[in-house]
PDB file of all heavy atoms in Angstrom:
ATOM      1  N   GLU A   1      95.566  79.217  93.971  1.00  0.00           N
ATOM      2  CA  GLU A   1      94.353  78.348  93.803  1.00  0.00           C
ATOM      3  C   GLU A   1      94.311  77.747  92.459  1.00  0.00           C
ATOM      4  O   GLU A   1      94.692  78.361  91.421  1.00  0.00           O
ATOM      5  CB  GLU A   1      93.091  79.227  94.027  1.00  0.00           C
ATOM      6  CG  GLU A   1      91.808  78.429  93.979  1.00  0.00           C
ATOM      7  CD  GLU A   1      90.597  79.321  94.237  1.00  0.00           C
ATOM      8  OE1 GLU A   1      90.690  80.538  94.312  1.00  0.00           O
ATOM      9  OE2 GLU A   1      89.505  78.719  94.387  1.00  0.00           O
ATOM     10  N   THR A   2      93.899  76.457  92.363  1.00  0.00           N
ATOM     11  CA  THR A   2      93.824  75.744  91.063  1.00  0.00           C
ATOM     12  C   THR A   2      92.366  75.329  90.836  1.00  0.00           C
ATOM     13  O   THR A   2      91.713  74.833  91.751  1.00  0.00           O
ATOM     14  CB  THR A   2      94.737  74.543  91.080  1.00  0.00           C
ATOM     15  OG1 THR A   2      96.094  74.999  91.222  1.00  0.00           O
ATOM     16  CG2 THR A   2      94.627  73.761  89.752  1.00  0.00           C
ATOM     17  N   ILE A   3      91.918  75.456  89.602  1.00  0.00           N
ATOM     18  CA  ILE A   3      90.615  74.951  89.231  1.00  0.00           C
ATOM     19  C   ILE A   3      90.850  73.897  88.144  1.00  0.00           C
ATOM     20  O   ILE A   3      91.574  74.112  87.173  1.00  0.00           O
ATOM     21  CB  ILE A   3      89.725  76.102  88.659  1.00  0.00           C
ATOM     22  CG1 ILE A   3      89.365  77.088  89.766  1.00  0.00           C
ATOM     23  CG2 ILE A   3      88.460  75.522  87.998  1.00  0.00           C
ATOM     24  CD1 ILE A   3      88.549  78.252  89.294  1.00  0.00           C
ATOM     25  N   ALA A   4      90.209  72.750  88.270  1.00  0.00           N
ATOM     26  CA  ALA A   4      90.307  71.627  87.281  1.00  0.00           C
ATOM     27  C   ALA A   4      89.046  71.538  86.503  1.00  0.00           C
ATOM     28  O   ALA A   4      87.947  71.632  87.099  1.00  0.00           O
ATOM     29  CB  ALA A   4      90.666  70.351  87.986  1.00  0.00           C
ATOM     30  N   VAL A   5      89.146  71.340  85.180  1.00  0.00           N
ATOM     31  CA  VAL A   5      88.006  71.262  84.301  1.00  0.00           C
ATOM     32  C   VAL A   5      88.085  69.896  83.604  1.00  0.00           C
ATOM     33  O   VAL A   5      89.155  69.593  83.033  1.00  0.00           O
ATOM     34  CB  VAL A   5      87.970  72.379  83.286  1.00  0.00           C
ATOM     35  CG1 VAL A   5      86.756  72.272  82.389  1.00  0.00           C
ATOM     36  CG2 VAL A   5      88.018  73.736  83.983  1.00  0.00           C
ATOM     37  N   LYS A   6      87.037  69.125  83.642  1.00  0.00           N
ATOM     38  CA  LYS A   6      87.022  67.823  82.982  1.00  0.00           C
ATOM     39  C   LYS A   6      85.609  67.500  82.481  1.00  0.00           C
ATOM     40  O   LYS A   6      84.637  68.155  82.899  1.00  0.00           O
ATOM     41  CB  LYS A   6      87.557  66.737  83.826  1.00  0.00           C
ATOM     42  CG  LYS A   6      86.684  66.446  85.038  1.00  0.00           C
ATOM     43  CD  LYS A   6      87.251  65.301  85.867  1.00  0.00           C
ATOM     44  CE  LYS A   6      86.239  65.017  86.991  1.00  0.00           C
ATOM     45  NZ  LYS A   6      86.011  63.623  87.152  1.00  0.00           N
ATOM     46  N   ARG A   7      85.433  66.504  81.716  1.00  0.00           N
ATOM     47  CA  ARG A   7      84.150  66.043  81.256  1.00  0.00           C
ATOM     48  C   ARG A   7      83.318  65.562  82.418  1.00  0.00           C
ATOM     49  O   ARG A   7      83.822  64.831  83.270  1.00  0.00           O
ATOM     50  CB  ARG A   7      84.315  64.970  80.190  1.00  0.00           C
ATOM     51  CG  ARG A   7      83.022  64.482  79.644  1.00  0.00           C
ATOM     52  CD  ARG A   7      83.231  63.350  78.676  1.00  0.00           C
ATOM     53  NE  ARG A   7      81.921  62.788  78.295  1.00  0.00           N
ATOM     54  CZ  ARG A   7      81.809  61.760  77.499  1.00  0.00           C
ATOM     55  NH1 ARG A   7      82.879  61.194  77.005  1.00  0.00           N
ATOM     56  NH2 ARG A   7      80.633  61.334  77.163  1.00  0.00           N
ATOM     57  N   SER A   8      82.062  65.941  82.419  1.00  0.00           N
ATOM     58  CA  SER A   8      81.147  65.460  83.476  1.00  0.00           C
ATOM     59  C   SER A   8      80.659  64.084  83.169  1.00  0.00           C
ATOM     60  O   SER A   8      80.593  63.655  82.015  1.00  0.00           O
ATOM     61  CB  SER A   8      79.973  66.450  83.574  1.00  0.00           C
ATOM     62  OG  SER A   8      79.013  65.942  84.470  1.00  0.00           O
ATOM     63  N   SER A   9      80.335  63.345  84.209  1.00  0.00           N
ATOM     64  CA  SER A   9      79.725  62.035  84.011  1.00  0.00           C
ATOM     65  C   SER A   9      78.237  62.138  83.732  1.00  0.00           C
ATOM     66  O   SER A   9      77.606  61.188  83.345  1.00  0.00           O
ATOM     67  CB  SER A   9      79.952  61.175  85.228  1.00  0.00           C
ATOM     68  OG  SER A   9      79.394  61.778  86.356  1.00  0.00           O
ATOM     69  N   ARG A  10      77.690  63.317  83.982  1.00  0.00           N
ATOM     70  CA  ARG A  10      76.254  63.564  83.714  1.00  0.00           C
ATOM     71  C   ARG A  10      76.010  63.918  82.242  1.00  0.00           C
ATOM     72  O   ARG A  10      76.841  64.494  81.594  1.00  0.00           O
ATOM     73  CB  ARG A  10      75.735  64.733  84.549  1.00  0.00           C
ATOM     74  CG  ARG A  10      75.826  64.459  86.038  1.00  0.00           C
ATOM     75  CD  ARG A  10      75.293  65.664  86.751  1.00  0.00           C
ATOM     76  NE  ARG A  10      75.405  65.494  88.196  1.00  0.00           N
ATOM     77  CZ  ARG A  10      75.094  66.458  89.049  1.00  0.00           C
ATOM     78  NH1 ARG A  10      74.691  67.603  88.605  1.00  0.00           N
ATOM     79  NH2 ARG A  10      75.223  66.235  90.329  1.00  0.00           N
ATOM     80  N   ARG A  11      74.824  63.582  81.770  1.00  0.00           N
ATOM     81  CA  ARG A  11      74.399  63.929  80.389  1.00  0.00           C
ATOM     82  C   ARG A  11      73.297  64.968  80.430  1.00  0.00           C
ATOM     83  O   ARG A  11      72.570  65.070  81.410  1.00  0.00           O
ATOM     84  CB  ARG A  11      73.940  62.663  79.650  1.00  0.00           C
ATOM     85  CG  ARG A  11      74.979  61.693  79.365  1.00  0.00           C
ATOM     86  CD  ARG A  11      74.399  60.521  78.599  1.00  0.00           C
ATOM     87  NE  ARG A  11      75.449  59.587  78.250  1.00  0.00           N
ATOM     88  CZ  ARG A  11      75.834  59.429  76.991  1.00  0.00           C
ATOM     89  NH1 ARG A  11      75.305  60.093  76.025  1.00  0.00           N
ATOM     90  NH2 ARG A  11      76.811  58.578  76.720  1.00  0.00           N
ATOM     91  N   VAL A  12      73.227  65.741  79.362  1.00  0.00           N
ATOM     92  CA  VAL A  12      72.179  66.759  79.278  1.00  0.00           C
ATOM     93  C   VAL A  12      71.492  66.542  77.961  1.00  0.00           C
ATOM     94  O   VAL A  12      72.067  66.223  76.928  1.00  0.00           O
ATOM     95  CB  VAL A  12      72.740  68.191  79.375  1.00  0.00           C
ATOM     96  CG1 VAL A  12      73.690  68.494  78.252  1.00  0.00           C
ATOM     97  CG2 VAL A  12      71.636  69.205  79.435  1.00  0.00           C
ATOM     98  N   HIS A  13      70.167  66.663  77.974  1.00  0.00           N
ATOM     99  CA  HIS A  13      69.355  66.585  76.767  1.00  0.00           C
ATOM    100  C   HIS A  13      68.920  67.969  76.370  1.00  0.00           C
ATOM    101  O   HIS A  13      68.306  68.687  77.174  1.00  0.00           O
ATOM    102  CB  HIS A  13      68.113  65.689  77.016  1.00  0.00           C
ATOM    103  CG  HIS A  13      68.438  64.293  77.375  1.00  0.00           C
ATOM    104  ND1 HIS A  13      68.876  63.358  76.397  1.00  0.00           N
ATOM    105  CD2 HIS A  13      68.531  63.649  78.562  1.00  0.00           C
ATOM    106  CE1 HIS A  13      69.107  62.212  77.008  1.00  0.00           C
ATOM    107  NE2 HIS A  13      68.939  62.374  78.298  1.00  0.00           N
ATOM    108  N   ILE A  14      69.258  68.353  75.152  1.00  0.00           N
ATOM    109  CA  ILE A  14      68.950  69.734  74.678  1.00  0.00           C
ATOM    110  C   ILE A  14      67.769  69.637  73.739  1.00  0.00           C
ATOM    111  O   ILE A  14      67.802  68.897  72.734  1.00  0.00           O
ATOM    112  CB  ILE A  14      70.199  70.344  74.006  1.00  0.00           C
ATOM    113  CG1 ILE A  14      71.309  70.470  75.043  1.00  0.00           C
ATOM    114  CG2 ILE A  14      69.805  71.687  73.425  1.00  0.00           C
ATOM    115  CD1 ILE A  14      72.588  70.901  74.458  1.00  0.00           C
ATOM    116  N   LEU A  15      66.747  70.385  74.022  1.00  0.00           N
ATOM    117  CA  LEU A  15      65.565  70.439  73.175  1.00  0.00           C
ATOM    118  C   LEU A  15      65.649  71.645  72.290  1.00  0.00           C
ATOM    119  O   LEU A  15      66.070  72.705  72.683  1.00  0.00           O
ATOM    120  CB  LEU A  15      64.307  70.500  73.993  1.00  0.00           C
ATOM    121  CG  LEU A  15      64.054  69.310  74.977  1.00  0.00           C
ATOM    122  CD1 LEU A  15      62.801  69.532  75.802  1.00  0.00           C
ATOM    123  CD2 LEU A  15      64.007  68.002  74.206  1.00  0.00           C
ATOM    124  N   GLN A  16      65.218  71.522  71.080  1.00  0.00           N
ATOM    125  CA  GLN A  16      65.225  72.611  70.109  1.00  0.00           C
ATOM    126  C   GLN A  16      63.974  72.521  69.238  1.00  0.00           C
ATOM    127  O   GLN A  16      63.624  71.489  68.729  1.00  0.00           O
ATOM    128  CB  GLN A  16      66.489  72.457  69.260  1.00  0.00           C
ATOM    129  CG  GLN A  16      66.667  73.509  68.219  1.00  0.00           C
ATOM    130  CD  GLN A  16      68.022  73.345  67.557  1.00  0.00           C
ATOM    131  OE1 GLN A  16      69.037  73.469  68.226  1.00  0.00           O
ATOM    132  NE2 GLN A  16      68.038  73.093  66.296  1.00  0.00           N
ATOM    133  N   PRO A  17      63.270  73.673  69.083  1.00  0.00           N
ATOM    134  CA  PRO A  17      62.095  73.667  68.183  1.00  0.00           C
ATOM    135  C   PRO A  17      62.440  73.196  66.806  1.00  0.00           C
ATOM    136  O   PRO A  17      63.543  73.478  66.279  1.00  0.00           O
ATOM    137  CB  PRO A  17      61.621  75.147  68.213  1.00  0.00           C
ATOM    138  CG  PRO A  17      62.302  75.723  69.364  1.00  0.00           C
ATOM    139  CD  PRO A  17      63.542  74.986  69.629  1.00  0.00           C
ATOM    140  N   SER A  18      61.562  72.458  66.177  1.00  0.00           N
ATOM    141  CA  SER A  18      61.827  71.916  64.841  1.00  0.00           C
ATOM    142  C   SER A  18      62.039  73.013  63.809  1.00  0.00           C
ATOM    143  O   SER A  18      62.678  72.813  62.777  1.00  0.00           O
ATOM    144  CB  SER A  18      60.712  70.980  64.381  1.00  0.00           C
ATOM    145  OG  SER A  18      59.492  71.666  64.374  1.00  0.00           O
ATOM    146  N   ASP A  19      61.516  74.204  64.018  1.00  0.00           N
ATOM    147  CA  ASP A  19      61.646  75.266  63.041  1.00  0.00           C
ATOM    148  C   ASP A  19      62.827  76.183  63.332  1.00  0.00           C
ATOM    149  O   ASP A  19      63.027  77.212  62.685  1.00  0.00           O
ATOM    150  CB  ASP A  19      60.385  76.108  62.963  1.00  0.00           C
ATOM    151  CG  ASP A  19      60.017  76.808  64.262  1.00  0.00           C
ATOM    152  OD1 ASP A  19      60.576  76.434  65.309  1.00  0.00           O
ATOM    153  OD2 ASP A  19      59.131  77.716  64.254  1.00  0.00           O
ATOM    154  N   HIS A  20      63.685  75.780  64.307  1.00  0.00           N
ATOM    155  CA  HIS A  20      64.873  76.594  64.643  1.00  0.00           C
ATOM    156  C   HIS A  20      65.965  76.397  63.627  1.00  0.00           C
ATOM    157  O   HIS A  20      66.230  75.294  63.212  1.00  0.00           O
ATOM    158  CB  HIS A  20      65.347  76.219  66.047  1.00  0.00           C
ATOM    159  CG  HIS A  20      66.651  76.871  66.434  1.00  0.00           C
ATOM    160  ND1 HIS A  20      66.688  78.159  66.859  1.00  0.00           N
ATOM    161  CD2 HIS A  20      67.933  76.397  66.418  1.00  0.00           C
ATOM    162  CE1 HIS A  20      67.964  78.478  67.089  1.00  0.00           C
ATOM    163  NE2 HIS A  20      68.732  77.393  66.837  1.00  0.00           N
ATOM    164  N   SER A  21      66.651  77.504  63.255  1.00  0.00           N
ATOM    165  CA  SER A  21      67.794  77.405  62.388  1.00  0.00           C
ATOM    166  C   SER A  21      68.950  78.188  62.977  1.00  0.00           C
ATOM    167  O   SER A  21      68.859  79.440  63.162  1.00  0.00           O
ATOM    168  CB  SER A  21      67.450  77.983  60.991  1.00  0.00           C
ATOM    169  OG  SER A  21      68.603  78.187  60.238  1.00  0.00           O
ATOM    170  N   PHE A  22      70.032  77.466  63.290  1.00  0.00           N
ATOM    171  CA  PHE A  22      71.208  78.132  63.828  1.00  0.00           C
ATOM    172  C   PHE A  22      71.722  79.189  62.913  1.00  0.00           C
ATOM    173  O   PHE A  22      72.066  80.285  63.296  1.00  0.00           O
ATOM    174  CB  PHE A  22      72.294  77.062  64.075  1.00  0.00           C
ATOM    175  CG  PHE A  22      73.628  77.659  64.481  1.00  0.00           C
ATOM    176  CD1 PHE A  22      73.850  78.132  65.736  1.00  0.00           C
ATOM    177  CD2 PHE A  22      74.687  77.675  63.549  1.00  0.00           C
ATOM    178  CE1 PHE A  22      75.069  78.652  66.100  1.00  0.00           C
ATOM    179  CE2 PHE A  22      75.900  78.219  63.921  1.00  0.00           C
ATOM    180  CZ  PHE A  22      76.111  78.687  65.176  1.00  0.00           C
ATOM    181  N   PHE A  23      71.759  78.872  61.615  1.00  0.00           N
ATOM    182  CA  PHE A  23      72.314  79.816  60.640  1.00  0.00           C
ATOM    183  C   PHE A  23      71.399  81.019  60.448  1.00  0.00           C
ATOM    184  O   PHE A  23      71.877  82.176  60.237  1.00  0.00           O
ATOM    185  CB  PHE A  23      72.571  79.175  59.309  1.00  0.00           C
ATOM    186  CG  PHE A  23      73.681  78.074  59.449  1.00  0.00           C
ATOM    187  CD1 PHE A  23      73.323  76.766  59.476  1.00  0.00           C
ATOM    188  CD2 PHE A  23      75.004  78.463  59.633  1.00  0.00           C
ATOM    189  CE1 PHE A  23      74.322  75.817  59.657  1.00  0.00           C
ATOM    190  CE2 PHE A  23      75.986  77.566  59.817  1.00  0.00           C
ATOM    191  CZ  PHE A  23      75.663  76.174  59.811  1.00  0.00           C
ATOM    192  N   GLU A  24      70.138  80.884  60.591  1.00  0.00           N
ATOM    193  CA  GLU A  24      69.205  81.987  60.508  1.00  0.00           C
ATOM    194  C   GLU A  24      69.435  82.920  61.703  1.00  0.00           C
ATOM    195  O   GLU A  24      69.370  84.138  61.581  1.00  0.00           O
ATOM    196  CB  GLU A  24      67.747  81.543  60.477  1.00  0.00           C
ATOM    197  CG  GLU A  24      66.735  82.632  60.315  1.00  0.00           C
ATOM    198  CD  GLU A  24      66.909  83.484  59.043  1.00  0.00           C
ATOM    199  OE1 GLU A  24      67.359  82.948  58.024  1.00  0.00           O
ATOM    200  OE2 GLU A  24      66.593  84.687  59.109  1.00  0.00           O
ATOM    201  N   THR A  25      69.659  82.355  62.887  1.00  0.00           N
ATOM    202  CA  THR A  25      69.979  83.155  64.063  1.00  0.00           C
ATOM    203  C   THR A  25      71.248  83.965  63.863  1.00  0.00           C
ATOM    204  O   THR A  25      71.274  85.154  64.186  1.00  0.00           O
ATOM    205  CB  THR A  25      70.102  82.204  65.328  1.00  0.00           C
ATOM    206  OG1 THR A  25      68.886  81.496  65.474  1.00  0.00           O
ATOM    207  CG2 THR A  25      70.401  83.005  66.540  1.00  0.00           C
ATOM    208  N   LEU A  26      72.280  83.353  63.286  1.00  0.00           N
ATOM    209  CA  LEU A  26      73.490  84.088  62.967  1.00  0.00           C
ATOM    210  C   LEU A  26      73.214  85.234  62.004  1.00  0.00           C
ATOM    211  O   LEU A  26      73.698  86.336  62.197  1.00  0.00           O
ATOM    212  CB  LEU A  26      74.555  83.135  62.365  1.00  0.00           C
ATOM    213  CG  LEU A  26      75.331  82.252  63.271  1.00  0.00           C
ATOM    214  CD1 LEU A  26      76.335  81.382  62.469  1.00  0.00           C
ATOM    215  CD2 LEU A  26      76.082  83.049  64.352  1.00  0.00           C
ATOM    216  N   ARG A  27      72.468  84.951  60.958  1.00  0.00           N
ATOM    217  CA  ARG A  27      72.162  86.002  59.940  1.00  0.00           C
ATOM    218  C   ARG A  27      71.490  87.164  60.597  1.00  0.00           C
ATOM    219  O   ARG A  27      71.819  88.324  60.326  1.00  0.00           O
ATOM    220  CB  ARG A  27      71.278  85.413  58.854  1.00  0.00           C
ATOM    221  CG  ARG A  27      72.051  84.650  57.799  1.00  0.00           C
ATOM    222  CD  ARG A  27      71.165  84.339  56.607  1.00  0.00           C
ATOM    223  NE  ARG A  27      70.243  83.211  56.818  1.00  0.00           N
ATOM    224  CZ  ARG A  27      70.600  81.974  56.727  1.00  0.00           C
ATOM    225  NH1 ARG A  27      71.789  81.614  56.452  1.00  0.00           N
ATOM    226  NH2 ARG A  27      69.662  81.030  57.022  1.00  0.00           N
ATOM    227  N   LYS A  28      70.544  86.915  61.511  1.00  0.00           N
ATOM    228  CA  LYS A  28      69.813  88.032  62.169  1.00  0.00           C
ATOM    229  C   LYS A  28      70.724  88.778  63.151  1.00  0.00           C
ATOM    230  O   LYS A  28      70.778  90.011  63.117  1.00  0.00           O
ATOM    231  CB  LYS A  28      68.637  87.436  62.952  1.00  0.00           C
ATOM    232  CG  LYS A  28      67.465  87.025  62.068  1.00  0.00           C
ATOM    233  CD  LYS A  28      66.350  86.450  62.923  1.00  0.00           C
ATOM    234  CE  LYS A  28      65.222  86.019  62.069  1.00  0.00           C
ATOM    235  NZ  LYS A  28      64.175  85.360  62.843  1.00  0.00           N
ATOM    236  N   LYS A  29      71.495  88.061  63.938  1.00  0.00           N
ATOM    237  CA  LYS A  29      72.344  88.723  64.971  1.00  0.00           C
ATOM    238  C   LYS A  29      73.493  89.479  64.326  1.00  0.00           C
ATOM    239  O   LYS A  29      73.943  90.500  64.799  1.00  0.00           O
ATOM    240  CB  LYS A  29      72.907  87.695  65.932  1.00  0.00           C
ATOM    241  CG  LYS A  29      71.824  87.151  66.910  1.00  0.00           C
ATOM    242  CD  LYS A  29      72.404  86.286  67.921  1.00  0.00           C
ATOM    243  CE  LYS A  29      71.355  85.885  68.926  1.00  0.00           C
ATOM    244  NZ  LYS A  29      71.914  85.121  70.075  1.00  0.00           N
ATOM    245  N   LEU A  30      74.040  88.953  63.204  1.00  0.00           N
ATOM    246  CA  LEU A  30      75.202  89.598  62.562  1.00  0.00           C
ATOM    247  C   LEU A  30      74.785  90.516  61.392  1.00  0.00           C
ATOM    248  O   LEU A  30      75.646  91.041  60.731  1.00  0.00           O
ATOM    249  CB  LEU A  30      76.181  88.528  62.124  1.00  0.00           C
ATOM    250  CG  LEU A  30      76.764  87.693  63.280  1.00  0.00           C
ATOM    251  CD1 LEU A  30      77.633  86.557  62.712  1.00  0.00           C
ATOM    252  CD2 LEU A  30      77.536  88.505  64.257  1.00  0.00           C
ATOM    253  N   HIS A  31      73.464  90.615  61.161  1.00  0.00           N
ATOM    254  CA  HIS A  31      72.938  91.445  60.113  1.00  0.00           C
ATOM    255  C   HIS A  31      73.523  91.004  58.757  1.00  0.00           C
ATOM    256  O   HIS A  31      73.842  91.838  57.909  1.00  0.00           O
ATOM    257  CB  HIS A  31      73.215  92.936  60.344  1.00  0.00           C
ATOM    258  CG  HIS A  31      72.704  93.402  61.662  1.00  0.00           C
ATOM    259  ND1 HIS A  31      71.348  93.558  61.920  1.00  0.00           N
ATOM    260  CD2 HIS A  31      73.328  93.681  62.840  1.00  0.00           C
ATOM    261  CE1 HIS A  31      71.202  93.961  63.148  1.00  0.00           C
ATOM    262  NE2 HIS A  31      72.381  94.015  63.755  1.00  0.00           N
ATOM    263  N   TRP A  32      73.587  89.710  58.517  1.00  0.00           N
ATOM    264  CA  TRP A  32      74.006  89.171  57.202  1.00  0.00           C
ATOM    265  C   TRP A  32      72.784  89.167  56.312  1.00  0.00           C
ATOM    266  O   TRP A  32      71.763  88.544  56.606  1.00  0.00           O
ATOM    267  CB  TRP A  32      74.547  87.763  57.342  1.00  0.00           C
ATOM    268  CG  TRP A  32      75.872  87.685  58.047  1.00  0.00           C
ATOM    269  CD1 TRP A  32      76.743  88.702  58.318  1.00  0.00           C
ATOM    270  CD2 TRP A  32      76.503  86.476  58.577  1.00  0.00           C
ATOM    271  NE1 TRP A  32      77.853  88.197  59.008  1.00  0.00           N
ATOM    272  CE2 TRP A  32      77.705  86.889  59.157  1.00  0.00           C
ATOM    273  CE3 TRP A  32      76.119  85.159  58.635  1.00  0.00           C
ATOM    274  CZ2 TRP A  32      78.545  85.961  59.777  1.00  0.00           C
ATOM    275  CZ3 TRP A  32      76.940  84.246  59.254  1.00  0.00           C
ATOM    276  CH2 TRP A  32      78.173  84.650  59.768  1.00  0.00           C
ATOM    277  N   THR A  33      72.917  89.795  55.118  1.00  0.00           N
ATOM    278  CA  THR A  33      71.806  89.843  54.237  1.00  0.00           C
ATOM    279  C   THR A  33      72.051  88.998  52.979  1.00  0.00           C
ATOM    280  O   THR A  33      71.157  88.924  52.078  1.00  0.00           O
ATOM    281  CB  THR A  33      71.491  91.268  53.835  1.00  0.00           C
ATOM    282  OG1 THR A  33      72.687  91.814  53.223  1.00  0.00           O
ATOM    283  CG2 THR A  33      71.088  92.092  55.002  1.00  0.00           C
ATOM    284  N   GLY A  34      73.197  88.427  52.841  1.00  0.00           N
ATOM    285  CA  GLY A  34      73.496  87.655  51.647  1.00  0.00           C
ATOM    286  C   GLY A  34      74.713  88.227  50.968  1.00  0.00           C
ATOM    287  O   GLY A  34      75.333  89.202  51.389  1.00  0.00           O
TER     288      GLY A  34
END
């Protein structure tokens, strides 16, 4: 069996709260304190 993966013709809109910080999430999950 073969599975093919390619870019979709559909678009997705991703919403994110204005106070969200990707790096803060990493710090919390990985227990980075500085």
